[in-house]
Amino acid sequence: MTYLYIETDGEVYLVEKNGKLTFPTSEDPIPFKIKKRFGMNMKEDVVYCKPILDSHPSWTYKDNIPKMDNVDKIVREAVNMSLVRHISSAIIIKDKKVLILKSNRGMTKGCWHWPGGFIDYGSSPEESAIRECMEELQVKVKIKELIGIYTRLPKEQYHHYAIFMPYLAEIIEGEITPQLEEVVEARWVTVDEAFKIVKNDYVIWTLNQIKHLL
Protein backbone atom coordinates (compact mmCIF):
# COMPACT_ATOMS: atom_id res chain seq x y z
CA MET A 1 0.00 0.00 0.00
CA THR A 2 1.30 3.42 -0.98
CA TYR A 3 0.45 6.57 0.98
CA LEU A 4 0.05 9.73 -1.08
CA TYR A 5 1.39 12.92 0.48
CA ILE A 6 -0.43 15.55 -1.59
CA GLU A 7 0.64 19.16 -0.97
CA THR A 8 0.27 22.53 -2.66
CA ASP A 9 1.22 25.97 -1.35
CA GLY A 10 1.75 24.66 2.17
CA GLU A 11 -1.61 22.87 2.40
CA VAL A 12 -1.92 19.10 2.70
CA TYR A 13 -4.79 16.91 1.49
CA LEU A 14 -5.86 14.54 4.28
CA VAL A 15 -8.74 12.10 4.71
CA GLU A 16 -10.37 10.85 7.89
CA LYS A 17 -9.96 7.20 8.81
CA ASN A 18 -10.74 5.64 12.19
CA GLY A 19 -11.08 9.05 13.78
CA LYS A 20 -7.69 10.28 12.53
CA LEU A 21 -6.66 12.53 9.67
CA THR A 22 -4.23 10.68 7.44
CA PHE A 23 -2.90 10.48 3.90
CA PRO A 24 -5.04 8.83 1.24
CA THR A 25 -3.59 5.68 -0.27
CA SER A 26 -3.23 4.58 -3.86
CA GLU A 27 -6.37 2.50 -3.30
CA ASP A 28 -8.55 5.47 -2.27
CA PRO A 29 -10.61 7.56 -4.68
CA ILE A 30 -9.11 11.06 -5.09
CA PRO A 31 -11.36 13.79 -6.58
CA PHE A 32 -8.61 15.36 -8.69
CA LYS A 33 -5.57 14.35 -10.68
CA ILE A 34 -2.13 14.18 -9.10
CA LYS A 35 1.46 14.12 -10.28
CA LYS A 36 3.75 11.85 -8.31
CA ARG A 37 7.08 13.56 -7.63
CA PHE A 38 9.31 11.75 -5.15
CA GLY A 39 9.38 8.71 -2.93
CA MET A 40 10.16 9.55 0.68
CA ASN A 41 12.79 7.75 2.74
CA MET A 42 10.40 6.26 5.30
CA LYS A 43 9.53 2.83 6.70
CA GLU A 44 6.14 3.04 5.03
CA ASP A 45 5.80 3.60 1.29
CA VAL A 46 5.03 7.33 1.01
CA VAL A 47 5.11 9.28 -2.26
CA TYR A 48 5.15 13.07 -2.35
CA CYS A 49 2.65 14.36 -4.92
CA LYS A 50 1.44 17.63 -6.41
CA PRO A 51 -2.26 18.04 -7.22
CA ILE A 52 -3.58 19.29 -10.55
CA LEU A 53 -6.29 21.80 -9.61
CA ASP A 54 -8.22 24.63 -11.20
CA SER A 55 -8.27 26.72 -8.01
CA HIS A 56 -6.56 26.98 -4.65
CA PRO A 57 -7.88 24.43 -2.13
CA SER A 58 -8.81 24.80 1.53
CA TRP A 59 -6.94 21.88 3.07
CA THR A 60 -4.94 21.41 6.27
CA TYR A 61 -2.12 23.89 6.68
CA LYS A 62 1.22 22.12 6.95
CA ASP A 63 2.34 24.41 9.77
CA ASN A 64 -0.69 23.44 11.87
CA ILE A 65 -0.15 19.68 11.68
CA PRO A 66 2.42 19.40 14.54
CA LYS A 67 -0.14 21.06 16.86
CA MET A 68 -3.06 18.81 15.93
CA ASP A 69 -4.01 15.85 18.13
CA ASN A 70 -6.16 14.10 15.53
CA VAL A 71 -3.43 13.55 12.92
CA ASP A 72 -1.95 10.13 12.15
CA LYS A 73 1.69 9.51 13.09
CA ILE A 74 2.73 8.88 9.48
CA VAL A 75 1.53 12.36 8.52
CA ARG A 76 3.57 13.98 11.30
CA GLU A 77 6.68 12.05 10.28
CA ALA A 78 6.32 12.85 6.59
CA VAL A 79 5.67 16.55 7.20
CA ASN A 80 8.73 16.71 9.46
CA MET A 81 10.82 15.03 6.78
CA SER A 82 9.60 17.47 4.12
CA LEU A 83 10.62 20.58 6.06
CA VAL A 84 13.78 22.02 4.55
CA ARG A 85 17.02 21.86 6.55
CA HIS A 86 19.60 24.48 5.61
CA ILE A 87 23.34 23.86 5.90
CA SER A 88 26.17 26.29 5.19
CA SER A 89 29.86 25.44 4.79
CA ALA A 90 33.21 27.18 4.49
CA ILE A 91 35.39 26.13 1.56
CA ILE A 92 38.92 27.18 2.45
CA ILE A 93 41.59 27.05 -0.27
CA LYS A 94 45.32 27.62 0.23
CA ASP A 95 48.25 26.91 -2.10
CA LYS A 96 46.03 24.93 -4.50
CA LYS A 97 44.73 22.72 -1.71
CA VAL A 98 41.38 22.66 0.05
CA LEU A 99 40.66 22.03 3.72
CA ILE A 100 38.47 19.05 4.57
CA LEU A 101 37.69 17.44 7.88
CA LYS A 102 36.53 14.08 9.18
CA SER A 103 33.44 14.42 11.35
CA ASN A 104 33.22 12.78 14.76
CA ARG A 105 29.47 12.92 15.32
CA GLY A 106 26.09 13.28 13.66
CA MET A 107 25.00 11.99 10.27
CA THR A 108 28.45 12.60 8.75
CA LYS A 109 30.41 10.81 11.48
CA GLY A 110 33.49 9.13 10.01
CA CYS A 111 33.09 10.92 6.66
CA TRP A 112 35.19 13.64 5.06
CA HIS A 113 33.25 16.86 4.86
CA TRP A 114 33.52 20.64 4.76
CA PRO A 115 33.70 22.77 7.90
CA GLY A 116 30.08 23.77 8.46
CA GLY A 117 26.71 22.66 9.73
CA PHE A 118 23.05 23.48 10.24
CA ILE A 119 22.04 27.13 10.17
CA ASP A 120 20.86 28.19 13.62
CA TYR A 121 17.53 29.89 14.16
CA GLY A 122 18.01 33.62 13.63
CA SER A 123 21.44 33.23 11.99
CA SER A 124 22.41 33.95 8.41
CA PRO A 125 24.16 31.28 6.31
CA GLU A 126 27.37 33.30 6.49
CA GLU A 127 27.19 33.67 10.28
CA SER A 128 26.61 29.95 10.67
CA ALA A 129 29.60 29.02 8.50
CA ILE A 130 31.81 31.37 10.54
CA ARG A 131 30.50 29.93 13.82
CA GLU A 132 31.06 26.33 12.72
CA CYS A 133 34.68 27.03 11.75
CA MET A 134 35.32 28.38 15.22
CA GLU A 135 33.53 25.49 16.93
CA GLU A 136 35.15 22.76 14.84
CA LEU A 137 38.62 24.16 14.11
CA GLN A 138 39.18 27.16 16.41
CA VAL A 139 39.76 29.51 13.49
CA LYS A 140 38.06 32.74 12.48
CA VAL A 141 37.21 32.93 8.80
CA LYS A 142 36.13 35.65 6.42
CA ILE A 143 33.36 34.75 3.98
CA LYS A 144 34.13 35.71 0.39
CA GLU A 145 31.40 34.48 -1.94
CA LEU A 146 28.67 31.88 -2.39
CA ILE A 147 29.77 29.03 -4.65
CA GLY A 148 26.27 27.77 -5.43
CA ILE A 149 23.33 25.93 -3.93
CA TYR A 150 22.96 22.15 -3.72
CA THR A 151 19.76 20.31 -2.82
CA ARG A 152 19.35 16.74 -1.61
CA LEU A 153 16.23 14.67 -1.09
CA PRO A 154 16.04 12.20 1.82
CA LYS A 155 17.98 9.01 1.12
CA GLU A 156 19.86 6.31 3.00
CA GLN A 157 21.02 7.77 6.34
CA TYR A 158 19.91 11.30 5.41
CA HIS A 159 16.34 11.71 6.61
CA HIS A 160 15.46 15.24 5.57
CA TYR A 161 15.24 17.45 2.53
CA ALA A 162 18.32 19.67 2.70
CA ILE A 163 19.65 22.76 0.98
CA PHE A 164 23.41 23.34 1.16
CA MET A 165 25.19 26.67 0.74
CA PRO A 166 28.99 26.42 0.36
CA TYR A 167 30.98 29.67 0.64
CA LEU A 168 34.54 30.39 -0.36
CA ALA A 169 36.28 31.55 2.79
CA GLU A 170 39.72 32.39 4.15
CA ILE A 171 41.26 32.02 7.58
CA ILE A 172 41.99 35.43 9.10
CA GLU A 173 42.80 34.45 12.68
CA GLY A 174 43.91 31.37 14.61
CA GLU A 175 45.63 28.06 13.93
CA ILE A 176 43.69 25.00 12.79
CA THR A 177 43.00 22.98 15.93
CA PRO A 178 40.43 20.21 15.44
CA GLN A 179 38.04 19.97 18.38
CA LEU A 180 37.83 16.24 18.99
CA GLU A 181 34.19 16.30 20.06
CA GLU A 182 33.40 17.60 16.58
CA VAL A 183 36.28 16.61 14.31
CA VAL A 184 38.68 13.66 14.20
CA GLU A 185 41.07 15.18 11.66
CA ALA A 186 41.50 18.20 9.41
CA ARG A 187 43.58 17.86 6.26
CA TRP A 188 44.74 19.99 3.31
CA VAL A 189 44.29 17.99 0.09
CA THR A 190 44.58 18.46 -3.64
CA VAL A 191 41.45 18.05 -5.73
CA ASP A 192 42.61 14.61 -6.92
CA GLU A 193 43.24 13.47 -3.34
CA ALA A 194 39.84 14.79 -2.29
CA PHE A 195 37.98 12.88 -4.99
CA LYS A 196 39.66 9.65 -3.82
CA ILE A 197 38.55 9.86 -0.19
CA VAL A 198 35.29 11.81 -0.28
CA LYS A 199 32.00 9.88 -0.48
CA ASN A 200 29.46 12.57 0.36
CA ASP A 201 27.45 13.73 -2.66
CA TYR A 202 27.35 17.37 -1.53
CA VAL A 203 31.12 17.53 -1.07
CA ILE A 204 31.70 15.90 -4.46
CA TRP A 205 29.34 18.43 -6.08
CA THR A 206 31.22 21.30 -4.45
CA LEU A 207 34.58 19.90 -5.55
CA ASN A 208 33.34 19.94 -9.13
CA GLN A 209 32.37 23.61 -8.71
CA ILE A 210 35.78 24.68 -7.37
CA LYS A 211 38.24 22.34 -9.12
CA HIS A 212 39.29 25.11 -11.50
CA LEU A 213 40.67 26.94 -8.43
CA LEU A 214 42.80 23.97 -7.30
C-alpha atoms as a PDB file:
ATOM      1  CA  MET A   1       0.000   0.000   0.000  1.00  0.00           C
ATOM      2  CA  THR A   2       1.296   3.420  -0.978  1.00  0.00           C
ATOM      3  CA  TYR A   3       0.450   6.572   0.978  1.00  0.00           C
ATOM      4  CA  LEU A   4       0.045   9.731  -1.085  1.00  0.00           C
ATOM      5  CA  TYR A   5       1.387  12.921   0.480  1.00  0.00           C
ATOM      6  CA  ILE A   6      -0.430  15.552  -1.589  1.00  0.00           C
ATOM      7  CA  GLU A   7       0.637  19.158  -0.967  1.00  0.00           C
ATOM      8  CA  THR A   8       0.271  22.529  -2.659  1.00  0.00           C
ATOM      9  CA  ASP A   9       1.225  25.969  -1.348  1.00  0.00           C
ATOM     10  CA  GLY A  10       1.746  24.657   2.169  1.00  0.00           C
ATOM     11  CA  GLU A  11      -1.606  22.875   2.396  1.00  0.00           C
ATOM     12  CA  VAL A  12      -1.922  19.098   2.704  1.00  0.00           C
ATOM     13  CA  TYR A  13      -4.793  16.912   1.490  1.00  0.00           C
ATOM     14  CA  LEU A  14      -5.865  14.544   4.279  1.00  0.00           C
ATOM     15  CA  VAL A  15      -8.738  12.097   4.707  1.00  0.00           C
ATOM     16  CA  GLU A  16     -10.375  10.849   7.892  1.00  0.00           C
ATOM     17  CA  LYS A  17      -9.960   7.203   8.806  1.00  0.00           C
ATOM     18  CA  ASN A  18     -10.739   5.635  12.185  1.00  0.00           C
ATOM     19  CA  GLY A  19     -11.076   9.048  13.783  1.00  0.00           C
ATOM     20  CA  LYS A  20      -7.690  10.281  12.532  1.00  0.00           C
ATOM     21  CA  LEU A  21      -6.665  12.532   9.671  1.00  0.00           C
ATOM     22  CA  THR A  22      -4.233  10.681   7.444  1.00  0.00           C
ATOM     23  CA  PHE A  23      -2.904  10.479   3.897  1.00  0.00           C
ATOM     24  CA  PRO A  24      -5.041   8.835   1.238  1.00  0.00           C
ATOM     25  CA  THR A  25      -3.586   5.683  -0.268  1.00  0.00           C
ATOM     26  CA  SER A  26      -3.230   4.582  -3.856  1.00  0.00           C
ATOM     27  CA  GLU A  27      -6.372   2.498  -3.297  1.00  0.00           C
ATOM     28  CA  ASP A  28      -8.550   5.466  -2.267  1.00  0.00           C
ATOM     29  CA  PRO A  29     -10.606   7.557  -4.684  1.00  0.00           C
ATOM     30  CA  ILE A  30      -9.113  11.056  -5.090  1.00  0.00           C
ATOM     31  CA  PRO A  31     -11.361  13.789  -6.577  1.00  0.00           C
ATOM     32  CA  PHE A  32      -8.606  15.356  -8.690  1.00  0.00           C
ATOM     33  CA  LYS A  33      -5.569  14.348 -10.681  1.00  0.00           C
ATOM     34  CA  ILE A  34      -2.134  14.180  -9.104  1.00  0.00           C
ATOM     35  CA  LYS A  35       1.456  14.116 -10.277  1.00  0.00           C
ATOM     36  CA  LYS A  36       3.749  11.847  -8.311  1.00  0.00           C
ATOM     37  CA  ARG A  37       7.078  13.557  -7.627  1.00  0.00           C
ATOM     38  CA  PHE A  38       9.314  11.750  -5.149  1.00  0.00           C
ATOM     39  CA  GLY A  39       9.384   8.707  -2.933  1.00  0.00           C
ATOM     40  CA  MET A  40      10.164   9.546   0.683  1.00  0.00           C
ATOM     41  CA  ASN A  41      12.794   7.749   2.740  1.00  0.00           C
ATOM     42  CA  MET A  42      10.404   6.262   5.303  1.00  0.00           C
ATOM     43  CA  LYS A  43       9.534   2.833   6.696  1.00  0.00           C
ATOM     44  CA  GLU A  44       6.141   3.042   5.034  1.00  0.00           C
ATOM     45  CA  ASP A  45       5.804   3.601   1.295  1.00  0.00           C
ATOM     46  CA  VAL A  46       5.031   7.331   1.014  1.00  0.00           C
ATOM     47  CA  VAL A  47       5.112   9.279  -2.258  1.00  0.00           C
ATOM     48  CA  TYR A  48       5.151  13.070  -2.351  1.00  0.00           C
ATOM     49  CA  CYS A  49       2.653  14.358  -4.916  1.00  0.00           C
ATOM     50  CA  LYS A  50       1.444  17.629  -6.410  1.00  0.00           C
ATOM     51  CA  PRO A  51      -2.258  18.037  -7.217  1.00  0.00           C
ATOM     52  CA  ILE A  52      -3.585  19.287 -10.548  1.00  0.00           C
ATOM     53  CA  LEU A  53      -6.292  21.799  -9.612  1.00  0.00           C
ATOM     54  CA  ASP A  54      -8.218  24.629 -11.197  1.00  0.00           C
ATOM     55  CA  SER A  55      -8.271  26.721  -8.012  1.00  0.00           C
ATOM     56  CA  HIS A  56      -6.556  26.985  -4.648  1.00  0.00           C
ATOM     57  CA  PRO A  57      -7.876  24.430  -2.131  1.00  0.00           C
ATOM     58  CA  SER A  58      -8.815  24.803   1.534  1.00  0.00           C
ATOM     59  CA  TRP A  59      -6.939  21.882   3.068  1.00  0.00           C
ATOM     60  CA  THR A  60      -4.936  21.411   6.270  1.00  0.00           C
ATOM     61  CA  TYR A  61      -2.121  23.891   6.679  1.00  0.00           C
ATOM     62  CA  LYS A  62       1.217  22.116   6.950  1.00  0.00           C
ATOM     63  CA  ASP A  63       2.344  24.413   9.770  1.00  0.00           C
ATOM     64  CA  ASN A  64      -0.689  23.439  11.874  1.00  0.00           C
ATOM     65  CA  ILE A  65      -0.146  19.680  11.675  1.00  0.00           C
ATOM     66  CA  PRO A  66       2.415  19.404  14.542  1.00  0.00           C
ATOM     67  CA  LYS A  67      -0.137  21.064  16.857  1.00  0.00           C
ATOM     68  CA  MET A  68      -3.058  18.814  15.934  1.00  0.00           C
ATOM     69  CA  ASP A  69      -4.008  15.847  18.130  1.00  0.00           C
ATOM     70  CA  ASN A  70      -6.165  14.096  15.527  1.00  0.00           C
ATOM     71  CA  VAL A  71      -3.429  13.546  12.923  1.00  0.00           C
ATOM     72  CA  ASP A  72      -1.951  10.133  12.147  1.00  0.00           C
ATOM     73  CA  LYS A  73       1.690   9.513  13.088  1.00  0.00           C
ATOM     74  CA  ILE A  74       2.731   8.879   9.483  1.00  0.00           C
ATOM     75  CA  VAL A  75       1.531  12.365   8.525  1.00  0.00           C
ATOM     76  CA  ARG A  76       3.574  13.980  11.298  1.00  0.00           C
ATOM     77  CA  GLU A  77       6.685  12.051  10.278  1.00  0.00           C
ATOM     78  CA  ALA A  78       6.315  12.851   6.587  1.00  0.00           C
ATOM     79  CA  VAL A  79       5.670  16.548   7.200  1.00  0.00           C
ATOM     80  CA  ASN A  80       8.729  16.714   9.461  1.00  0.00           C
ATOM     81  CA  MET A  81      10.822  15.029   6.779  1.00  0.00           C
ATOM     82  CA  SER A  82       9.597  17.469   4.119  1.00  0.00           C
ATOM     83  CA  LEU A  83      10.624  20.577   6.056  1.00  0.00           C
ATOM     84  CA  VAL A  84      13.783  22.018   4.547  1.00  0.00           C
ATOM     85  CA  ARG A  85      17.021  21.855   6.549  1.00  0.00           C
ATOM     86  CA  HIS A  86      19.599  24.484   5.615  1.00  0.00           C
ATOM     87  CA  ILE A  87      23.336  23.865   5.896  1.00  0.00           C
ATOM     88  CA  SER A  88      26.170  26.289   5.190  1.00  0.00           C
ATOM     89  CA  SER A  89      29.856  25.443   4.791  1.00  0.00           C
ATOM     90  CA  ALA A  90      33.212  27.178   4.494  1.00  0.00           C
ATOM     91  CA  ILE A  91      35.390  26.126   1.564  1.00  0.00           C
ATOM     92  CA  ILE A  92      38.920  27.178   2.449  1.00  0.00           C
ATOM     93  CA  ILE A  93      41.590  27.050  -0.268  1.00  0.00           C
ATOM     94  CA  LYS A  94      45.320  27.623   0.233  1.00  0.00           C
ATOM     95  CA  ASP A  95      48.251  26.906  -2.098  1.00  0.00           C
ATOM     96  CA  LYS A  96      46.032  24.934  -4.497  1.00  0.00           C
ATOM     97  CA  LYS A  97      44.732  22.720  -1.712  1.00  0.00           C
ATOM     98  CA  VAL A  98      41.384  22.662   0.053  1.00  0.00           C
ATOM     99  CA  LEU A  99      40.661  22.027   3.719  1.00  0.00           C
ATOM    100  CA  ILE A 100      38.465  19.051   4.570  1.00  0.00           C
ATOM    101  CA  LEU A 101      37.688  17.441   7.883  1.00  0.00           C
ATOM    102  CA  LYS A 102      36.526  14.080   9.178  1.00  0.00           C
ATOM    103  CA  SER A 103      33.439  14.424  11.350  1.00  0.00           C
ATOM    104  CA  ASN A 104      33.221  12.778  14.762  1.00  0.00           C
ATOM    105  CA  ARG A 105      29.465  12.919  15.318  1.00  0.00           C
ATOM    106  CA  GLY A 106      26.094  13.281  13.658  1.00  0.00           C
ATOM    107  CA  MET A 107      24.998  11.994  10.265  1.00  0.00           C
ATOM    108  CA  THR A 108      28.451  12.604   8.750  1.00  0.00           C
ATOM    109  CA  LYS A 109      30.412  10.806  11.480  1.00  0.00           C
ATOM    110  CA  GLY A 110      33.490   9.131  10.007  1.00  0.00           C
ATOM    111  CA  CYS A 111      33.091  10.920   6.660  1.00  0.00           C
ATOM    112  CA  TRP A 112      35.191  13.639   5.056  1.00  0.00           C
ATOM    113  CA  HIS A 113      33.250  16.858   4.864  1.00  0.00           C
ATOM    114  CA  TRP A 114      33.520  20.640   4.760  1.00  0.00           C
ATOM    115  CA  PRO A 115      33.697  22.767   7.896  1.00  0.00           C
ATOM    116  CA  GLY A 116      30.075  23.772   8.458  1.00  0.00           C
ATOM    117  CA  GLY A 117      26.712  22.658   9.728  1.00  0.00           C
ATOM    118  CA  PHE A 118      23.053  23.484  10.245  1.00  0.00           C
ATOM    119  CA  ILE A 119      22.042  27.129  10.175  1.00  0.00           C
ATOM    120  CA  ASP A 120      20.861  28.190  13.622  1.00  0.00           C
ATOM    121  CA  TYR A 121      17.525  29.886  14.155  1.00  0.00           C
ATOM    122  CA  GLY A 122      18.007  33.622  13.627  1.00  0.00           C
ATOM    123  CA  SER A 123      21.442  33.234  11.992  1.00  0.00           C
ATOM    124  CA  SER A 124      22.406  33.953   8.406  1.00  0.00           C
ATOM    125  CA  PRO A 125      24.159  31.278   6.314  1.00  0.00           C
ATOM    126  CA  GLU A 126      27.372  33.298   6.491  1.00  0.00           C
ATOM    127  CA  GLU A 127      27.190  33.668  10.279  1.00  0.00           C
ATOM    128  CA  SER A 128      26.607  29.949  10.674  1.00  0.00           C
ATOM    129  CA  ALA A 129      29.604  29.019   8.500  1.00  0.00           C
ATOM    130  CA  ILE A 130      31.806  31.370  10.539  1.00  0.00           C
ATOM    131  CA  ARG A 131      30.496  29.929  13.822  1.00  0.00           C
ATOM    132  CA  GLU A 132      31.056  26.327  12.720  1.00  0.00           C
ATOM    133  CA  CYS A 133      34.681  27.027  11.746  1.00  0.00           C
ATOM    134  CA  MET A 134      35.319  28.385  15.219  1.00  0.00           C
ATOM    135  CA  GLU A 135      33.531  25.492  16.929  1.00  0.00           C
ATOM    136  CA  GLU A 136      35.153  22.763  14.836  1.00  0.00           C
ATOM    137  CA  LEU A 137      38.620  24.162  14.105  1.00  0.00           C
ATOM    138  CA  GLN A 138      39.175  27.160  16.411  1.00  0.00           C
ATOM    139  CA  VAL A 139      39.762  29.512  13.485  1.00  0.00           C
ATOM    140  CA  LYS A 140      38.061  32.741  12.482  1.00  0.00           C
ATOM    141  CA  VAL A 141      37.207  32.934   8.801  1.00  0.00           C
ATOM    142  CA  LYS A 142      36.129  35.650   6.415  1.00  0.00           C
ATOM    143  CA  ILE A 143      33.356  34.748   3.979  1.00  0.00           C
ATOM    144  CA  LYS A 144      34.132  35.710   0.393  1.00  0.00           C
ATOM    145  CA  GLU A 145      31.399  34.477  -1.945  1.00  0.00           C
ATOM    146  CA  LEU A 146      28.671  31.879  -2.393  1.00  0.00           C
ATOM    147  CA  ILE A 147      29.772  29.028  -4.648  1.00  0.00           C
ATOM    148  CA  GLY A 148      26.274  27.772  -5.429  1.00  0.00           C
ATOM    149  CA  ILE A 149      23.327  25.933  -3.934  1.00  0.00           C
ATOM    150  CA  TYR A 150      22.961  22.153  -3.720  1.00  0.00           C
ATOM    151  CA  THR A 151      19.757  20.312  -2.822  1.00  0.00           C
ATOM    152  CA  ARG A 152      19.349  16.743  -1.612  1.00  0.00           C
ATOM    153  CA  LEU A 153      16.230  14.672  -1.093  1.00  0.00           C
ATOM    154  CA  PRO A 154      16.043  12.198   1.819  1.00  0.00           C
ATOM    155  CA  LYS A 155      17.977   9.007   1.123  1.00  0.00           C
ATOM    156  CA  GLU A 156      19.859   6.307   3.000  1.00  0.00           C
ATOM    157  CA  GLN A 157      21.022   7.770   6.344  1.00  0.00           C
ATOM    158  CA  TYR A 158      19.907  11.296   5.409  1.00  0.00           C
ATOM    159  CA  HIS A 159      16.344  11.709   6.615  1.00  0.00           C
ATOM    160  CA  HIS A 160      15.456  15.243   5.569  1.00  0.00           C
ATOM    161  CA  TYR A 161      15.238  17.450   2.526  1.00  0.00           C
ATOM    162  CA  ALA A 162      18.324  19.665   2.700  1.00  0.00           C
ATOM    163  CA  ILE A 163      19.654  22.758   0.977  1.00  0.00           C
ATOM    164  CA  PHE A 164      23.412  23.339   1.160  1.00  0.00           C
ATOM    165  CA  MET A 165      25.187  26.673   0.737  1.00  0.00           C
ATOM    166  CA  PRO A 166      28.986  26.425   0.365  1.00  0.00           C
ATOM    167  CA  TYR A 167      30.983  29.669   0.638  1.00  0.00           C
ATOM    168  CA  LEU A 168      34.541  30.387  -0.361  1.00  0.00           C
ATOM    169  CA  ALA A 169      36.280  31.552   2.790  1.00  0.00           C
ATOM    170  CA  GLU A 170      39.724  32.389   4.151  1.00  0.00           C
ATOM    171  CA  ILE A 171      41.264  32.015   7.583  1.00  0.00           C
ATOM    172  CA  ILE A 172      41.988  35.432   9.104  1.00  0.00           C
ATOM    173  CA  GLU A 173      42.802  34.446  12.677  1.00  0.00           C
ATOM    174  CA  GLY A 174      43.914  31.374  14.607  1.00  0.00           C
ATOM    175  CA  GLU A 175      45.627  28.057  13.930  1.00  0.00           C
ATOM    176  CA  ILE A 176      43.687  25.000  12.789  1.00  0.00           C
ATOM    177  CA  THR A 177      43.004  22.984  15.932  1.00  0.00           C
ATOM    178  CA  PRO A 178      40.433  20.213  15.440  1.00  0.00           C
ATOM    179  CA  GLN A 179      38.039  19.971  18.377  1.00  0.00           C
ATOM    180  CA  LEU A 180      37.831  16.235  18.991  1.00  0.00           C
ATOM    181  CA  GLU A 181      34.191  16.303  20.059  1.00  0.00           C
ATOM    182  CA  GLU A 182      33.402  17.595  16.582  1.00  0.00           C
ATOM    183  CA  VAL A 183      36.285  16.615  14.315  1.00  0.00           C
ATOM    184  CA  VAL A 184      38.681  13.657  14.199  1.00  0.00           C
ATOM    185  CA  GLU A 185      41.070  15.176  11.661  1.00  0.00           C
ATOM    186  CA  ALA A 186      41.496  18.198   9.405  1.00  0.00           C
ATOM    187  CA  ARG A 187      43.580  17.864   6.259  1.00  0.00           C
ATOM    188  CA  TRP A 188      44.741  19.992   3.313  1.00  0.00           C
ATOM    189  CA  VAL A 189      44.287  17.993   0.086  1.00  0.00           C
ATOM    190  CA  THR A 190      44.575  18.459  -3.644  1.00  0.00           C
ATOM    191  CA  VAL A 191      41.455  18.052  -5.728  1.00  0.00           C
ATOM    192  CA  ASP A 192      42.606  14.607  -6.916  1.00  0.00           C
ATOM    193  CA  GLU A 193      43.240  13.475  -3.338  1.00  0.00           C
ATOM    194  CA  ALA A 194      39.842  14.788  -2.287  1.00  0.00           C
ATOM    195  CA  PHE A 195      37.983  12.884  -4.985  1.00  0.00           C
ATOM    196  CA  LYS A 196      39.665   9.649  -3.820  1.00  0.00           C
ATOM    197  CA  ILE A 197      38.550   9.864  -0.194  1.00  0.00           C
ATOM    198  CA  VAL A 198      35.293  11.810  -0.283  1.00  0.00           C
ATOM    199  CA  LYS A 199      32.004   9.875  -0.478  1.00  0.00           C
ATOM    200  CA  ASN A 200      29.458  12.574   0.363  1.00  0.00           C
ATOM    201  CA  ASP A 201      27.450  13.728  -2.659  1.00  0.00           C
ATOM    202  CA  TYR A 202      27.351  17.368  -1.528  1.00  0.00           C
ATOM    203  CA  VAL A 203      31.124  17.527  -1.069  1.00  0.00           C
ATOM    204  CA  ILE A 204      31.698  15.902  -4.460  1.00  0.00           C
ATOM    205  CA  TRP A 205      29.345  18.430  -6.076  1.00  0.00           C
ATOM    206  CA  THR A 206      31.224  21.304  -4.450  1.00  0.00           C
ATOM    207  CA  LEU A 207      34.585  19.903  -5.546  1.00  0.00           C
ATOM    208  CA  ASN A 208      33.344  19.941  -9.126  1.00  0.00           C
ATOM    209  CA  GLN A 209      32.372  23.612  -8.715  1.00  0.00           C
ATOM    210  CA  ILE A 210      35.784  24.677  -7.374  1.00  0.00           C
ATOM    211  CA  LYS A 211      38.237  22.339  -9.124  1.00  0.00           C
ATOM    212  CA  HIS A 212      39.293  25.115 -11.497  1.00  0.00           C
ATOM    213  CA  LEU A 213      40.670  26.937  -8.435  1.00  0.00           C
ATOM    214  CA  LEU A 214      42.799  23.972  -7.304  1.00  0.00           C
END
